[in-house]
Structure formats: structure tokens, C-alpha cells
Amino acid sequence: MECRQIAELLGDYFDGSLPNHLRELLEWHIDGCPPCVAFINTYRGTITATRRLPEAPMPVELKRRLIAFVKSARDAKETR
């Protein structure tokens, strides 16, 4: 497993949905990779900090733009 792959798997790793074989590979890699340990600690800190933030409603304009983006991405995928 390479360092760049670690970043792609962290969301699933932290929410517990990463398959066991990938979790074991990830943990084996970070045991010997100080830069990945630092990255993971930063990632973990970000999760902790954002969980402390109060909930706020999404601005209407942001919601509209997000929906348009998702629809556009889905339509582009379907035309491939």
C-alpha cells in the first residue's frame, strides 16, 4: 500500500466500513511510515474539531449549487 492510497481510505477507516484486509494493510503501512502517522493524526484532529462545531443550516444558494453539481456529474457519468 502506498501513501497516496492511505488518504483515499481514511474516511472508510475512521467510520469502520473499511474491509478487514484493507484495514490491516493500512495499519501495517502506517506502522512504518511517520509521514502517514502525522497525516492520520491531522485527519483525526480535523474530525474531532468539526464534531464540536454547532450545526448550522446550509445556505439556500449553496444547496442549489450543490444539487446542480451532483446532477451534472450524474448526467456526465450516464453519457459515458
Protein backbone atom coordinates (compact mmCIF):
# COMPACT_ATOMS: atom_id res chain seq x y z
CA MET A 1 0.00 0.00 0.00
CA GLU A 2 1.30 3.45 -0.93
CA CYS A 3 0.96 6.68 1.00
CA ARG A 4 -1.44 8.22 -1.53
CA GLN A 5 -3.78 5.26 -1.08
CA ILE A 6 -3.94 5.90 2.65
CA ALA A 7 -5.60 9.28 2.11
CA GLU A 8 -8.24 7.71 -0.14
CA LEU A 9 -9.18 5.13 2.51
CA LEU A 10 -9.24 7.23 5.68
CA GLY A 11 -12.94 8.09 5.59
CA ASP A 12 -13.90 4.43 5.49
CA TYR A 13 -11.18 3.57 8.02
CA PHE A 14 -12.45 6.03 10.60
CA ASP A 15 -16.12 5.18 10.16
CA GLY A 16 -15.37 1.45 10.44
CA SER A 17 -16.56 0.46 6.98
CA LEU A 18 -13.14 -0.41 5.53
CA PRO A 19 -12.91 -4.16 4.80
CA ASN A 20 -10.65 -6.03 7.22
CA HIS A 21 -7.97 -6.87 4.67
CA LEU A 22 -7.62 -3.19 3.68
CA ARG A 23 -7.69 -2.06 7.30
CA GLU A 24 -4.87 -4.48 8.10
CA LEU A 25 -2.82 -3.27 5.11
CA LEU A 26 -3.39 0.35 6.09
CA GLU A 27 -2.38 -0.28 9.69
CA TRP A 28 0.69 -2.25 8.58
CA HIS A 29 1.74 0.64 6.34
CA ILE A 30 1.30 3.35 8.95
CA ASP A 31 3.28 1.33 11.50
CA GLY A 32 6.36 2.06 9.40
CA CYS A 33 5.52 5.44 7.85
CA PRO A 34 5.91 8.52 10.07
CA PRO A 35 4.53 10.92 7.39
CA CYS A 36 1.31 8.88 7.20
CA VAL A 37 1.05 8.79 11.00
CA ALA A 38 1.29 12.60 11.02
CA PHE A 39 -1.33 12.85 8.25
CA ILE A 40 -3.70 10.49 10.05
CA ASN A 41 -3.31 12.41 13.31
CA THR A 42 -4.16 15.64 11.48
CA TYR A 43 -7.15 13.95 9.83
CA ARG A 44 -8.33 12.62 13.19
CA GLY A 45 -7.93 16.09 14.74
CA THR A 46 -10.00 17.61 11.95
CA ILE A 47 -12.80 15.11 12.56
CA THR A 48 -12.73 15.86 16.29
CA ALA A 49 -12.77 19.61 15.72
CA THR A 50 -15.64 19.53 13.24
CA ARG A 51 -17.75 17.38 15.54
CA ARG A 52 -17.55 20.16 18.12
CA LEU A 53 -18.98 22.74 15.74
CA PRO A 54 -22.62 23.68 16.20
CA GLU A 55 -24.99 22.53 13.49
CA ALA A 56 -25.97 25.23 11.03
CA PRO A 57 -28.43 25.14 8.16
CA MET A 58 -26.96 25.02 4.67
CA PRO A 59 -27.36 28.33 2.86
CA VAL A 60 -30.02 28.10 0.14
CA GLU A 61 -27.64 29.19 -2.64
CA LEU A 62 -25.04 26.60 -1.64
CA LYS A 63 -27.69 23.89 -1.58
CA ARG A 64 -28.90 24.90 -5.05
CA ARG A 65 -25.36 24.85 -6.46
CA LEU A 66 -24.57 21.51 -4.82
CA ILE A 67 -27.68 19.87 -6.26
CA ALA A 68 -26.86 21.25 -9.72
CA PHE A 69 -23.31 19.93 -9.46
CA VAL A 70 -24.42 16.45 -8.40
CA LYS A 71 -26.98 16.28 -11.21
CA SER A 72 -24.37 17.41 -13.71
CA ALA A 73 -21.87 14.82 -12.52
CA ARG A 74 -24.50 12.08 -12.62
CA ASP A 75 -25.59 13.07 -16.14
CA ALA A 76 -21.97 13.12 -17.34
CA LYS A 77 -21.42 9.65 -15.88
CA GLU A 78 -24.55 8.28 -17.57
CA THR A 79 -23.45 9.55 -21.01
CA ARG A 80 -20.14 7.65 -20.88
